Protein backbone atom coordinates (compact mmCIF):
# COMPACT_ATOMS: atom_id res chain seq x y z
CA MET A 1 128.39 -93.26 -130.11
CA PRO A 2 128.96 -89.82 -128.59
CA ASP A 3 131.86 -89.26 -126.26
CA ALA A 4 131.08 -89.39 -122.55
CA PRO A 5 130.86 -85.97 -120.99
CA ALA A 6 134.01 -84.76 -119.33
CA PRO A 7 134.02 -85.02 -115.56
CA ALA A 8 133.00 -81.82 -113.84
CA THR A 9 135.99 -79.73 -112.90
CA PRO A 10 135.87 -77.38 -110.00
CA ARG A 11 134.78 -74.02 -111.26
CA ARG A 12 137.19 -71.23 -110.53
CA GLY A 13 134.69 -68.82 -109.13
CA ALA A 14 135.14 -65.59 -107.31
CA TRP A 15 135.13 -66.91 -103.74
CA PRO A 16 138.23 -69.14 -104.03
CA ASN A 17 140.19 -66.22 -105.49
CA ARG A 18 138.99 -63.88 -102.72
CA LEU A 19 139.85 -66.49 -100.10
CA ALA A 20 143.34 -66.98 -101.52
CA ALA A 21 143.89 -63.21 -101.59
CA ALA A 22 142.67 -62.88 -97.99
CA VAL A 23 145.00 -65.65 -96.83
CA TRP A 24 147.92 -64.02 -98.65
CA ARG A 25 147.13 -60.60 -97.15
CA GLN A 26 146.92 -62.17 -93.69
CA ARG A 27 150.31 -63.79 -94.19
CA VAL A 28 151.87 -60.52 -95.31
CA GLU A 29 150.25 -58.71 -92.39
CA LEU A 30 151.59 -61.29 -89.93
CA LEU A 31 155.09 -61.00 -91.43
CA ARG A 32 154.97 -57.22 -91.13
CA PHE A 33 153.60 -57.47 -87.58
CA GLY A 34 156.44 -59.83 -86.71
CA THR A 35 159.05 -57.52 -88.23
CA ILE A 36 157.78 -54.50 -86.32
CA GLY A 37 157.50 -56.68 -83.22
CA ALA A 38 161.12 -57.77 -83.62
CA LEU A 39 162.25 -54.15 -83.87
CA ALA A 40 160.18 -53.18 -80.83
CA PHE A 41 161.58 -56.21 -79.00
CA VAL A 42 165.14 -55.02 -79.60
CA VAL A 43 164.23 -51.58 -78.24
CA ASP A 44 162.37 -53.08 -75.27
CA PHE A 45 165.12 -55.60 -74.48
CA THR A 46 167.88 -53.00 -74.74
CA VAL A 47 166.16 -50.39 -72.56
CA PHE A 48 165.11 -53.08 -70.02
CA ASN A 49 168.58 -54.53 -69.65
CA LEU A 50 170.42 -51.20 -69.64
CA MET A 51 168.16 -49.86 -66.90
CA LEU A 52 168.00 -53.04 -64.82
CA HIS A 53 171.38 -54.74 -65.28
CA GLY A 54 173.53 -52.27 -67.19
CA PRO A 55 175.40 -49.06 -66.60
CA VAL A 56 172.14 -47.11 -66.19
CA ASP A 57 170.91 -49.34 -63.39
CA VAL A 58 169.43 -46.57 -61.20
CA LEU A 59 166.22 -48.60 -61.01
CA ALA A 60 167.87 -52.00 -60.50
CA HIS A 61 165.75 -52.57 -57.40
CA LYS A 62 162.48 -51.96 -59.31
CA PRO A 63 162.28 -54.54 -62.12
CA VAL A 64 158.55 -54.11 -62.78
CA THR A 65 158.94 -50.32 -63.08
CA VAL A 66 161.82 -50.81 -65.51
CA ASN A 67 159.67 -53.24 -67.51
CA VAL A 68 156.91 -50.64 -67.79
CA ILE A 69 159.34 -47.93 -68.95
CA ALA A 70 160.99 -50.20 -71.52
CA THR A 71 157.62 -51.30 -72.83
CA ALA A 72 156.43 -47.69 -73.12
CA VAL A 73 159.44 -46.76 -75.26
CA ALA A 74 158.95 -49.85 -77.45
CA THR A 75 155.23 -49.08 -77.76
CA VAL A 76 155.93 -45.77 -79.49
CA VAL A 77 158.24 -47.54 -81.94
CA SER A 78 155.70 -50.29 -82.61
CA TRP A 79 152.74 -47.90 -83.00
CA LEU A 80 154.56 -45.97 -85.70
CA GLY A 81 155.57 -49.17 -87.52
CA ASN A 82 152.17 -50.82 -87.24
CA ARG A 83 150.24 -47.69 -88.16
CA TYR A 84 152.31 -46.79 -91.19
CA TRP A 85 153.31 -50.24 -92.43
CA THR A 86 151.61 -53.32 -90.94
CA PHE A 87 148.04 -52.01 -90.75
CA SER A 88 148.42 -49.05 -93.14
CA ALA A 89 145.32 -50.06 -95.13
CA ARG A 90 143.26 -50.37 -91.93
CA ARG A 91 144.30 -47.27 -90.04
CA THR A 92 141.79 -44.54 -89.28
CA ARG A 93 141.96 -40.79 -89.76
CA ARG A 94 141.53 -40.28 -86.02
CA ARG A 95 145.19 -40.57 -85.01
CA VAL A 96 144.76 -39.49 -81.40
CA ARG A 97 141.92 -41.93 -80.77
CA GLU A 98 143.86 -44.68 -82.50
CA LEU A 99 146.95 -43.94 -80.39
CA LEU A 100 144.87 -44.00 -77.20
CA GLU A 101 143.33 -47.34 -78.19
CA TYR A 102 146.79 -48.63 -79.07
CA ALA A 103 148.10 -47.48 -75.70
CA ALA A 104 145.17 -49.16 -73.90
CA VAL A 105 145.89 -52.46 -75.67
CA ASN A 106 149.55 -52.11 -74.74
CA VAL A 107 148.64 -51.54 -71.11
CA GLY A 108 147.06 -54.99 -71.27
CA GLY A 109 150.25 -56.31 -72.84
CA VAL A 110 152.47 -54.76 -70.17
CA VAL A 111 150.22 -56.22 -67.47
CA ILE A 112 150.81 -59.65 -68.99
CA THR A 113 154.62 -59.26 -69.20
CA SER A 114 154.82 -57.66 -65.76
CA ALA A 115 152.71 -60.41 -64.23
CA CYS A 116 155.09 -63.01 -65.66
CA LEU A 117 158.09 -61.07 -64.32
CA ALA A 118 156.49 -60.54 -60.90
CA PHE A 119 155.59 -64.23 -60.67
CA SER A 120 159.15 -65.21 -61.51
CA ARG A 121 160.70 -62.70 -59.09
CA TYR A 122 158.32 -62.72 -56.14
CA VAL A 123 156.71 -66.16 -56.23
CA LEU A 124 159.48 -68.32 -57.63
CA GLY A 125 162.29 -66.21 -56.14
CA LEU A 126 164.26 -66.07 -59.40
CA ASP A 127 166.18 -62.80 -59.70
CA SER A 128 168.99 -63.37 -62.18
CA ALA A 129 169.24 -61.50 -65.46
CA LEU A 130 168.44 -64.71 -67.31
CA ALA A 131 165.32 -65.39 -65.22
CA ASP A 132 164.13 -61.79 -65.65
CA ASN A 133 164.53 -61.99 -69.41
CA VAL A 134 162.92 -65.41 -69.75
CA ALA A 135 159.93 -64.34 -67.66
CA ALA A 136 159.32 -60.85 -69.05
CA LYS A 137 160.84 -60.95 -72.52
CA GLY A 138 160.23 -64.61 -73.29
CA VAL A 139 157.06 -66.08 -71.82
CA GLY A 140 155.39 -62.73 -71.12
CA LEU A 141 156.16 -61.27 -74.52
CA VAL A 142 154.78 -64.26 -76.42
CA LEU A 143 151.51 -64.13 -74.47
CA ALA A 144 151.31 -60.35 -74.85
CA MET A 145 152.06 -60.57 -78.59
CA ILE A 146 149.07 -62.83 -79.22
CA PHE A 147 146.86 -60.57 -77.11
CA ARG A 148 148.06 -57.43 -78.94
CA TYR A 149 147.74 -58.79 -82.46
CA VAL A 150 144.13 -59.84 -81.95
CA LEU A 151 143.16 -56.52 -80.39
CA TYR A 152 145.11 -54.40 -82.91
CA ARG A 153 143.13 -56.02 -85.72
CA THR A 154 139.74 -55.92 -84.04
CA VAL A 155 139.86 -52.73 -81.95
CA VAL A 156 142.63 -50.34 -83.02
CA PHE A 157 143.18 -50.73 -86.77
CA ARG A 158 139.68 -51.52 -87.95
CA GLY A 159 139.54 -49.07 -90.83
CA GLU A 160 136.99 -46.38 -91.46
CA GLY A 161 134.08 -48.72 -92.24
């Protein structure tokens, strides 16, 4: 009596390997994005607090303006890191256009963080250093980070194809 055929085993075709590679690349990209984001956060946080609550507090009465300035400085740092490391395989040859798109996405991000800060300051009446940082650099930054990542991938760093 012949042996019963072996049960069918899942065939290791091309699509599972491509899917696994895509998932791995996404994970690496997210880790790189987070690393650059952490560096930009340190720059943003430092500039924000030095200008608003530190020895360079000439704009202490304008927290939203300080937030915009700090975010602008951090944006330059993050564009360089994301262009040349995080999304290096997806960057385009049109640097100026890419930078303008990056800046436009970051304007959306600064609107989100500034809205959180303005809500905390002017609606809730919270004006301590802790409240400013929780609103702008905590809640606002998390919301802006999600917004930026999605638009960086789909609008700014979309490759040449």
